[in-house]
Amino acid sequence: MSHSEIVDKIIEQLRIQDRSGGYFHQEPYKSDFFRLFVEAAEEGDGLRADHLWSLVGQRAPKVFNGHAWPLLFAAWPEWDYAWSYAKRRRASLL
């Protein structure tokens, strides 16, 4: 899946969560977002938080006003850091 398609799915998930009123850390929301993060991380150079912010802002700036966006935006770089660390660690063990 391309980064463009992933961003579209992220926007869709943000809208669903904002409509349903579920909490970001509640399942299945967080795992749905994490699956999209993994897809983005495996696609090319990954999708950094600042680039995600830019793409979402261009396509659907109203999601920034929802309750889910700030939580996703806070989690994204943490996941990116952990994912990068795990990849480096795995490579050093081989």
PDB file of N, CA and C in Angstrom:
ATOM      1  N   MET A   1       0.847  -1.165   0.000  1.00  0.00           N
ATOM      2  CA  MET A   1       0.000   0.000   0.000  1.00  0.00           C
ATOM      3  C   MET A   1       0.900   1.237   0.000  1.00  0.00           C
ATOM      4  N   SER A   2       0.585   2.213  -0.808  1.00  0.00           N
ATOM      5  CA  SER A   2       1.395   3.435  -0.897  1.00  0.00           C
ATOM      6  C   SER A   2       1.129   4.338   0.310  1.00  0.00           C
ATOM      7  N   HIS A   3       2.030   5.286   0.541  1.00  0.00           N
ATOM      8  CA  HIS A   3       1.825   6.241   1.629  1.00  0.00           C
ATOM      9  C   HIS A   3       0.533   7.019   1.424  1.00  0.00           C
ATOM     10  N   SER A   4       0.225   7.349   0.189  1.00  0.00           N
ATOM     11  CA  SER A   4      -1.003   8.079  -0.103  1.00  0.00           C
ATOM     12  C   SER A   4      -2.234   7.278   0.330  1.00  0.00           C
ATOM     13  N   GLU A   5      -2.236   6.000   0.011  1.00  0.00           N
ATOM     14  CA  GLU A   5      -3.357   5.135   0.414  1.00  0.00           C
ATOM     15  C   GLU A   5      -3.413   4.982   1.934  1.00  0.00           C
ATOM     16  N   ILE A   6      -2.264   4.891   2.563  1.00  0.00           N
ATOM     17  CA  ILE A   6      -2.208   4.766   4.020  1.00  0.00           C
ATOM     18  C   ILE A   6      -2.770   6.023   4.679  1.00  0.00           C
ATOM     19  N   VAL A   7      -2.396   7.187   4.172  1.00  0.00           N
ATOM     20  CA  VAL A   7      -2.912   8.444   4.728  1.00  0.00           C
ATOM     21  C   VAL A   7      -4.425   8.505   4.559  1.00  0.00           C
ATOM     22  N   ASP A   8      -4.933   8.072   3.419  1.00  0.00           N
ATOM     23  CA  ASP A   8      -6.390   8.041   3.225  1.00  0.00           C
ATOM     24  C   ASP A   8      -7.055   7.157   4.273  1.00  0.00           C
ATOM     25  N   LYS A   9      -6.467   6.016   4.558  1.00  0.00           N
ATOM     26  CA  LYS A   9      -7.023   5.104   5.564  1.00  0.00           C
ATOM     27  C   LYS A   9      -6.912   5.692   6.975  1.00  0.00           C
ATOM     28  N   ILE A  10      -5.826   6.397   7.243  1.00  0.00           N
ATOM     29  CA  ILE A  10      -5.676   7.058   8.543  1.00  0.00           C
ATOM     30  C   ILE A  10      -6.772   8.102   8.723  1.00  0.00           C
ATOM     31  N   ILE A  11      -7.001   8.902   7.706  1.00  0.00           N
ATOM     32  CA  ILE A  11      -8.056   9.920   7.768  1.00  0.00           C
ATOM     33  C   ILE A  11      -9.408   9.256   7.998  1.00  0.00           C
ATOM     34  N   GLU A  12      -9.661   8.182   7.285  1.00  0.00           N
ATOM     35  CA  GLU A  12     -10.917   7.449   7.457  1.00  0.00           C
ATOM     36  C   GLU A  12     -11.057   6.946   8.898  1.00  0.00           C
ATOM     37  N   GLN A  13      -9.984   6.370   9.443  1.00  0.00           N
ATOM     38  CA  GLN A  13     -10.017   5.862  10.821  1.00  0.00           C
ATOM     39  C   GLN A  13     -10.203   6.996  11.832  1.00  0.00           C
ATOM     40  N   LEU A  14      -9.552   8.128  11.603  1.00  0.00           N
ATOM     41  CA  LEU A  14      -9.727   9.273  12.496  1.00  0.00           C
ATOM     42  C   LEU A  14     -11.180   9.722  12.512  1.00  0.00           C
ATOM     43  N   ARG A  15     -11.783   9.784  11.350  1.00  0.00           N
ATOM     44  CA  ARG A  15     -13.194  10.194  11.266  1.00  0.00           C
ATOM     45  C   ARG A  15     -14.105   9.188  11.962  1.00  0.00           C
ATOM     46  N   ILE A  16     -13.838   7.908  11.760  1.00  0.00           N
ATOM     47  CA  ILE A  16     -14.646   6.867  12.415  1.00  0.00           C
ATOM     48  C   ILE A  16     -14.535   6.999  13.929  1.00  0.00           C
ATOM     49  N   GLN A  17     -13.326   7.136  14.422  1.00  0.00           N
ATOM     50  CA  GLN A  17     -13.144   7.215  15.867  1.00  0.00           C
ATOM     51  C   GLN A  17     -13.775   8.474  16.441  1.00  0.00           C
ATOM     52  N   ASP A  18     -13.631   9.588  15.747  1.00  0.00           N
ATOM     53  CA  ASP A  18     -14.232  10.828  16.245  1.00  0.00           C
ATOM     54  C   ASP A  18     -15.759  10.734  16.265  1.00  0.00           C
ATOM     55  N   ARG A  19     -16.333  10.051  15.280  1.00  0.00           N
ATOM     56  CA  ARG A  19     -17.797   9.876  15.247  1.00  0.00           C
ATOM     57  C   ARG A  19     -18.279   8.919  16.330  1.00  0.00           C
ATOM     58  N   SER A  20     -17.541   7.848  16.540  1.00  0.00           N
ATOM     59  CA  SER A  20     -17.992   6.806  17.467  1.00  0.00           C
ATOM     60  C   SER A  20     -17.738   7.170  18.924  1.00  0.00           C
ATOM     61  N   GLY A  21     -16.802   8.076  19.159  1.00  0.00           N
ATOM     62  CA  GLY A  21     -16.534   8.523  20.515  1.00  0.00           C
ATOM     63  C   GLY A  21     -15.643   7.602  21.325  1.00  0.00           C
ATOM     64  N   GLY A  22     -15.089   6.585  20.700  1.00  0.00           N
ATOM     65  CA  GLY A  22     -14.189   5.690  21.425  1.00  0.00           C
ATOM     66  C   GLY A  22     -12.882   6.381  21.770  1.00  0.00           C
ATOM     67  N   TYR A  23     -12.223   5.877  22.798  1.00  0.00           N
ATOM     68  CA  TYR A  23     -10.947   6.427  23.238  1.00  0.00           C
ATOM     69  C   TYR A  23      -9.813   5.814  22.418  1.00  0.00           C
ATOM     70  N   PHE A  24      -8.820   6.610  22.073  1.00  0.00           N
ATOM     71  CA  PHE A  24      -7.717   6.177  21.216  1.00  0.00           C
ATOM     72  C   PHE A  24      -7.044   4.910  21.728  1.00  0.00           C
ATOM     73  N   HIS A  25      -6.819   4.821  23.035  1.00  0.00           N
ATOM     74  CA  HIS A  25      -6.086   3.687  23.597  1.00  0.00           C
ATOM     75  C   HIS A  25      -6.962   2.453  23.781  1.00  0.00           C
ATOM     76  N   GLN A  26      -8.222   2.577  23.449  1.00  0.00           N
ATOM     77  CA  GLN A  26      -9.163   1.465  23.540  1.00  0.00           C
ATOM     78  C   GLN A  26      -9.039   0.619  22.273  1.00  0.00           C
ATOM     79  N   GLU A  27      -9.166  -0.693  22.442  1.00  0.00           N
ATOM     80  CA  GLU A  27      -9.165  -1.558  21.264  1.00  0.00           C
ATOM     81  C   GLU A  27     -10.538  -1.505  20.614  1.00  0.00           C
ATOM     82  N   PRO A  28     -10.619  -1.563  19.330  1.00  0.00           N
ATOM     83  CA  PRO A  28      -9.575  -1.871  18.356  1.00  0.00           C
ATOM     84  C   PRO A  28      -8.892  -0.635  17.783  1.00  0.00           C
ATOM     85  N   TYR A  29      -9.232   0.557  18.268  1.00  0.00           N
ATOM     86  CA  TYR A  29      -8.737   1.777  17.631  1.00  0.00           C
ATOM     87  C   TYR A  29      -7.218   1.841  17.544  1.00  0.00           C
ATOM     88  N   LYS A  30      -6.554   1.678  18.682  1.00  0.00           N
ATOM     89  CA  LYS A  30      -5.100   1.818  18.691  1.00  0.00           C
ATOM     90  C   LYS A  30      -4.441   0.789  17.779  1.00  0.00           C
ATOM     91  N   SER A  31      -4.914  -0.448  17.818  1.00  0.00           N
ATOM     92  CA  SER A  31      -4.297  -1.468  16.960  1.00  0.00           C
ATOM     93  C   SER A  31      -4.590  -1.206  15.487  1.00  0.00           C
ATOM     94  N   ASP A  32      -5.753  -0.621  15.177  1.00  0.00           N
ATOM     95  CA  ASP A  32      -6.042  -0.254  13.782  1.00  0.00           C
ATOM     96  C   ASP A  32      -5.041   0.786  13.289  1.00  0.00           C
ATOM     97  N   PHE A  33      -4.789   1.800  14.116  1.00  0.00           N
ATOM     98  CA  PHE A  33      -3.805   2.819  13.744  1.00  0.00           C
ATOM     99  C   PHE A  33      -2.399   2.225  13.685  1.00  0.00           C
ATOM    100  N   PHE A  34      -2.072   1.336  14.620  1.00  0.00           N
ATOM    101  CA  PHE A  34      -0.738   0.744  14.619  1.00  0.00           C
ATOM    102  C   PHE A  34      -0.518  -0.107  13.372  1.00  0.00           C
ATOM    103  N   ARG A  35      -1.522  -0.825  12.933  1.00  0.00           N
ATOM    104  CA  ARG A  35      -1.386  -1.607  11.682  1.00  0.00           C
ATOM    105  C   ARG A  35      -1.067  -0.685  10.512  1.00  0.00           C
ATOM    106  N   LEU A  36      -1.711   0.475  10.468  1.00  0.00           N
ATOM    107  CA  LEU A  36      -1.414   1.432   9.398  1.00  0.00           C
ATOM    108  C   LEU A  36       0.002   1.983   9.548  1.00  0.00           C
ATOM    109  N   PHE A  37       0.439   2.215  10.787  1.00  0.00           N
ATOM    110  CA  PHE A  37       1.821   2.643  11.007  1.00  0.00           C
ATOM    111  C   PHE A  37       2.795   1.604  10.463  1.00  0.00           C
ATOM    112  N   VAL A  38       2.554   0.328  10.771  1.00  0.00           N
ATOM    113  CA  VAL A  38       3.448  -0.747  10.310  1.00  0.00           C
ATOM    114  C   VAL A  38       3.487  -0.768   8.790  1.00  0.00           C
ATOM    115  N   GLU A  39       2.337  -0.636   8.152  1.00  0.00           N
ATOM    116  CA  GLU A  39       2.307  -0.588   6.680  1.00  0.00           C
ATOM    117  C   GLU A  39       3.156   0.571   6.175  1.00  0.00           C
ATOM    118  N   ALA A  40       3.017   1.735   6.809  1.00  0.00           N
ATOM    119  CA  ALA A  40       3.786   2.912   6.389  1.00  0.00           C
ATOM    120  C   ALA A  40       5.277   2.707   6.634  1.00  0.00           C
ATOM    121  N   ALA A  41       5.625   2.094   7.753  1.00  0.00           N
ATOM    122  CA  ALA A  41       7.036   1.862   8.089  1.00  0.00           C
ATOM    123  C   ALA A  41       7.690   0.906   7.104  1.00  0.00           C
ATOM    124  N   GLU A  42       6.925  -0.010   6.581  1.00  0.00           N
ATOM    125  CA  GLU A  42       7.462  -0.996   5.642  1.00  0.00           C
ATOM    126  C   GLU A  42       7.480  -0.491   4.198  1.00  0.00           C
ATOM    127  N   GLU A  43       6.845   0.643   3.952  1.00  0.00           N
ATOM    128  CA  GLU A  43       6.763   1.203   2.601  1.00  0.00           C
ATOM    129  C   GLU A  43       7.858   2.247   2.417  1.00  0.00           C
ATOM    130  N   GLY A  44       8.875   1.918   1.672  1.00  0.00           N
ATOM    131  CA  GLY A  44       9.949   2.872   1.386  1.00  0.00           C
ATOM    132  C   GLY A  44      10.678   3.297   2.644  1.00  0.00           C
ATOM    133  N   ASP A  45      10.836   4.597   2.810  1.00  0.00           N
ATOM    134  CA  ASP A  45      11.549   5.152   3.963  1.00  0.00           C
ATOM    135  C   ASP A  45      10.651   5.345   5.175  1.00  0.00           C
ATOM    136  N   GLY A  46       9.457   4.846   5.133  1.00  0.00           N
ATOM    137  CA  GLY A  46       8.529   5.063   6.237  1.00  0.00           C
ATOM    138  C   GLY A  46       7.806   6.384   6.067  1.00  0.00           C
ATOM    139  N   LEU A  47       6.994   6.702   7.014  1.00  0.00           N
ATOM    140  CA  LEU A  47       6.198   7.928   6.974  1.00  0.00           C
ATOM    141  C   LEU A  47       6.402   8.638   8.305  1.00  0.00           C
ATOM    142  N   ARG A  48       7.202   9.679   8.301  1.00  0.00           N
ATOM    143  CA  ARG A  48       7.507  10.406   9.527  1.00  0.00           C
ATOM    144  C   ARG A  48       6.313  11.259   9.952  1.00  0.00           C
ATOM    145  N   ALA A  49       6.280  11.589  11.233  1.00  0.00           N
ATOM    146  CA  ALA A  49       5.148  12.322  11.805  1.00  0.00           C
ATOM    147  C   ALA A  49       4.945  13.677  11.131  1.00  0.00           C
ATOM    148  N   ASP A  50       6.028  14.394  10.838  1.00  0.00           N
ATOM    149  CA  ASP A  50       5.874  15.708  10.213  1.00  0.00           C
ATOM    150  C   ASP A  50       5.289  15.599   8.812  1.00  0.00           C
ATOM    151  N   HIS A  51       5.663  14.564   8.093  1.00  0.00           N
ATOM    152  CA  HIS A  51       5.107  14.354   6.754  1.00  0.00           C
ATOM    153  C   HIS A  51       3.646  13.915   6.846  1.00  0.00           C
ATOM    154  N   LEU A  52       3.334  13.083   7.827  1.00  0.00           N
ATOM    155  CA  LEU A  52       1.947  12.680   8.057  1.00  0.00           C
ATOM    156  C   LEU A  52       1.092  13.910   8.351  1.00  0.00           C
ATOM    157  N   TRP A  53       1.595  14.789   9.217  1.00  0.00           N
ATOM    158  CA  TRP A  53       0.883  16.029   9.555  1.00  0.00           C
ATOM    159  C   TRP A  53       0.586  16.827   8.286  1.00  0.00           C
ATOM    160  N   SER A  54       1.588  16.976   7.445  1.00  0.00           N
ATOM    161  CA  SER A  54       1.437  17.743   6.212  1.00  0.00           C
ATOM    162  C   SER A  54       0.398  17.122   5.283  1.00  0.00           C
ATOM    163  N   LEU A  55       0.482  15.818   5.078  1.00  0.00           N
ATOM    164  CA  LEU A  55      -0.449  15.146   4.169  1.00  0.00           C
ATOM    165  C   LEU A  55      -1.881  15.178   4.687  1.00  0.00           C
ATOM    166  N   VAL A  56      -2.055  14.928   5.970  1.00  0.00           N
ATOM    167  CA  VAL A  56      -3.403  14.977   6.551  1.00  0.00           C
ATOM    168  C   VAL A  56      -3.938  16.405   6.476  1.00  0.00           C
ATOM    169  N   GLY A  57      -3.091  17.378   6.761  1.00  0.00           N
ATOM    170  CA  GLY A  57      -3.507  18.777   6.696  1.00  0.00           C
ATOM    171  C   GLY A  57      -3.944  19.209   5.310  1.00  0.00           C
ATOM    172  N   GLN A  58      -3.303  18.685   4.287  1.00  0.00           N
ATOM    173  CA  GLN A  58      -3.682  19.006   2.911  1.00  0.00           C
ATOM    174  C   GLN A  58      -5.013  18.375   2.531  1.00  0.00           C
ATOM    175  N   ARG A  59      -5.263  17.176   3.019  1.00  0.00           N
ATOM    176  CA  ARG A  59      -6.438  16.412   2.589  1.00  0.00           C
ATOM    177  C   ARG A  59      -7.661  16.581   3.476  1.00  0.00           C
ATOM    178  N   ALA A  60      -7.431  16.698   4.773  1.00  0.00           N
ATOM    179  CA  ALA A  60      -8.571  16.714   5.704  1.00  0.00           C
ATOM    180  C   ALA A  60      -8.223  17.500   6.968  1.00  0.00           C
ATOM    181  N   PRO A  61      -8.010  18.804   6.848  1.00  0.00           N
ATOM    182  CA  PRO A  61      -7.580  19.579   8.014  1.00  0.00           C
ATOM    183  C   PRO A  61      -8.572  19.561   9.179  1.00  0.00           C
ATOM    184  N   LYS A  62      -9.824  19.267   8.913  1.00  0.00           N
ATOM    185  CA  LYS A  62     -10.816  19.251   9.998  1.00  0.00           C
ATOM    186  C   LYS A  62     -10.555  18.139  11.011  1.00  0.00           C
ATOM    187  N   VAL A  63      -9.843  17.078  10.614  1.00  0.00           N
ATOM    188  CA  VAL A  63      -9.571  16.009  11.584  1.00  0.00           C
ATOM    189  C   VAL A  63      -8.626  16.490  12.688  1.00  0.00           C
ATOM    190  N   PHE A  64      -7.891  17.573  12.450  1.00  0.00           N
ATOM    191  CA  PHE A  64      -7.028  18.129  13.492  1.00  0.00           C
ATOM    192  C   PHE A  64      -7.850  18.605  14.695  1.00  0.00           C
ATOM    193  N   ASN A  65      -9.128  18.916  14.466  1.00  0.00           N
ATOM    194  CA  ASN A  65     -10.002  19.391  15.539  1.00  0.00           C
ATOM    195  C   ASN A  65     -10.616  18.252  16.344  1.00  0.00           C
ATOM    196  N   GLY A  66     -10.463  17.024  15.880  1.00  0.00           N
ATOM    197  CA  GLY A  66     -11.038  15.877  16.572  1.00  0.00           C
ATOM    198  C   GLY A  66     -10.208  15.471  17.776  1.00  0.00           C
ATOM    199  N   HIS A  67     -10.760  14.584  18.590  1.00  0.00           N
ATOM    200  CA  HIS A  67     -10.041  14.150  19.790  1.00  0.00           C
ATOM    201  C   HIS A  67      -8.993  13.077  19.494  1.00  0.00           C
ATOM    202  N   ALA A  68      -9.093  12.394  18.365  1.00  0.00           N
ATOM    203  CA  ALA A  68      -8.176  11.289  18.068  1.00  0.00           C
ATOM    204  C   ALA A  68      -6.835  11.769  17.500  1.00  0.00           C
ATOM    205  N   TRP A  69      -6.834  12.832  16.720  1.00  0.00           N
ATOM    206  CA  TRP A  69      -5.612  13.275  16.043  1.00  0.00           C
ATOM    207  C   TRP A  69      -4.459  13.555  17.007  1.00  0.00           C
ATOM    208  N   PRO A  70      -4.645  14.353  18.077  1.00  0.00           N
ATOM    209  CA  PRO A  70      -3.494  14.633  18.945  1.00  0.00           C
ATOM    210  C   PRO A  70      -2.889  13.369  19.558  1.00  0.00           C
ATOM    211  N   LEU A  71      -3.724  12.393  19.854  1.00  0.00           N
ATOM    212  CA  LEU A  71      -3.228  11.150  20.438  1.00  0.00           C
ATOM    213  C   LEU A  71      -2.460  10.325  19.407  1.00  0.00           C
ATOM    214  N   LEU A  72      -2.974  10.274  18.183  1.00  0.00           N
ATOM    215  CA  LEU A  72      -2.255   9.572  17.117  1.00  0.00           C
ATOM    216  C   LEU A  72      -0.939  10.278  16.816  1.00  0.00           C
ATOM    217  N   PHE A  73      -0.973  11.595  16.738  1.00  0.00           N
ATOM    218  CA  PHE A  73       0.233  12.351  16.411  1.00  0.00           C
ATOM    219  C   PHE A  73       1.290  12.207  17.504  1.00  0.00           C
ATOM    220  N   ALA A  74       0.876  12.041  18.744  1.00  0.00           N
ATOM    221  CA  ALA A  74       1.825  11.805  19.841  1.00  0.00           C
ATOM    222  C   ALA A  74       2.387  10.389  19.780  1.00  0.00           C
ATOM    223  N   ALA A  75       1.558   9.423  19.412  1.00  0.00           N
ATOM    224  CA  ALA A  75       1.996   8.021  19.373  1.00  0.00           C
ATOM    225  C   ALA A  75       2.904   7.740  18.180  1.00  0.00           C
ATOM    226  N   TRP A  76       2.657   8.394  17.065  1.00  0.00           N
ATOM    227  CA  TRP A  76       3.365   8.082  15.817  1.00  0.00           C
ATOM    228  C   TRP A  76       4.889   8.136  15.961  1.00  0.00           C
ATOM    229  N   PRO A  77       5.472   9.233  16.471  1.00  0.00           N
ATOM    230  CA  PRO A  77       6.941   9.253  16.586  1.00  0.00           C
ATOM    231  C   PRO A  77       7.472   8.250  17.615  1.00  0.00           C
ATOM    232  N   GLU A  78       6.666   7.936  18.633  1.00  0.00           N
ATOM    233  CA  GLU A  78       7.089   6.911  19.597  1.00  0.00           C
ATOM    234  C   GLU A  78       7.171   5.554  18.911  1.00  0.00           C
ATOM    235  N   TRP A  79       6.160   5.237  18.119  1.00  0.00           N
ATOM    236  CA  TRP A  79       6.173   3.978  17.369  1.00  0.00           C
ATOM    237  C   TRP A  79       7.341   3.966  16.389  1.00  0.00           C
ATOM    238  N   ASP A  80       7.580   5.104  15.736  1.00  0.00           N
ATOM    239  CA  ASP A  80       8.666   5.197  14.762  1.00  0.00           C
ATOM    240  C   ASP A  80      10.014   4.953  15.441  1.00  0.00           C
ATOM    241  N   TYR A  81      10.212   5.556  16.598  1.00  0.00           N
ATOM    242  CA  TYR A  81      11.459   5.365  17.340  1.00  0.00           C
ATOM    243  C   TYR A  81      11.636   3.891  17.718  1.00  0.00           C
ATOM    244  N   ALA A  82      10.598   3.308  18.286  1.00  0.00           N
ATOM    245  CA  ALA A  82      10.682   1.907  18.720  1.00  0.00           C
ATOM    246  C   ALA A  82      10.893   0.972  17.532  1.00  0.00           C
ATOM    247  N   TRP A  83      10.215   1.233  16.433  1.00  0.00           N
ATOM    248  CA  TRP A  83      10.333   0.402  15.235  1.00  0.00           C
ATOM    249  C   TRP A  83      11.753   0.478  14.679  1.00  0.00           C
ATOM    250  N   SER A  84      12.298   1.689  14.598  1.00  0.00           N
ATOM    251  CA  SER A  84      13.665   1.871  14.089  1.00  0.00           C
ATOM    252  C   SER A  84      14.681   1.198  15.003  1.00  0.00           C
ATOM    253  N   TYR A  85      14.489   1.346  16.308  1.00  0.00           N
ATOM    254  CA  TYR A  85      15.395   0.719  17.269  1.00  0.00           C
ATOM    255  C   TYR A  85      15.358  -0.800  17.131  1.00  0.00           C
ATOM    256  N   ALA A  86      14.170  -1.359  17.018  1.00  0.00           N
ATOM    257  CA  ALA A  86      14.032  -2.818  16.884  1.00  0.00           C
ATOM    258  C   ALA A  86      14.709  -3.312  15.608  1.00  0.00           C
ATOM    259  N   LYS A  87      14.568  -2.569  14.517  1.00  0.00           N
ATOM    260  CA  LYS A  87      15.213  -2.973  13.259  1.00  0.00           C
ATOM    261  C   LYS A  87      16.736  -2.934  13.387  1.00  0.00           C
ATOM    262  N   ARG A  88      17.264  -1.878  14.017  1.00  0.00           N
ATOM    263  CA  ARG A  88      18.724  -1.779  14.209  1.00  0.00           C
ATOM    264  C   ARG A  88      19.217  -2.891  15.125  1.00  0.00           C
ATOM    265  N   ARG A  89      18.477  -3.141  16.166  1.00  0.00           N
ATOM    266  CA  ARG A  89      18.856  -4.182  17.127  1.00  0.00           C
ATOM    267  C   ARG A  89      18.853  -5.550  16.462  1.00  0.00           C
ATOM    268  N   ARG A  90      17.816  -5.825  15.696  1.00  0.00           N
ATOM    269  CA  ARG A  90      17.715  -7.104  14.988  1.00  0.00           C
ATOM    270  C   ARG A  90      18.878  -7.262  14.014  1.00  0.00           C
ATOM    271  N   ALA A  91      19.218  -6.183  13.299  1.00  0.00           N
ATOM    272  CA  ALA A  91      20.318  -6.239  12.331  1.00  0.00           C
ATOM    273  C   ALA A  91      21.659  -6.476  13.031  1.00  0.00           C
ATOM    274  N   SER A  92      21.834  -5.912  14.212  1.00  0.00           N
ATOM    275  CA  SER A  92      23.109  -6.088  14.917  1.00  0.00           C
ATOM    276  C   SER A  92      23.269  -7.505  15.469  1.00  0.00           C
ATOM    277  N   LEU A  93      22.186  -8.213  15.637  1.00  0.00           N
ATOM    278  CA  LEU A  93      22.246  -9.581  16.152  1.00  0.00           C
ATOM    279  C   LEU A  93      22.495 -10.612  15.059  1.00  0.00           C
ATOM    280  N   LEU A  94      22.318 -10.208  13.826  1.00  0.00           N
ATOM    281  CA  LEU A  94      22.506 -11.150  12.709  1.00  0.00           C
ATOM    282  C   LEU A  94      23.945 -11.280  12.303  1.00  0.00           C
TER     283      LEU A  94
END
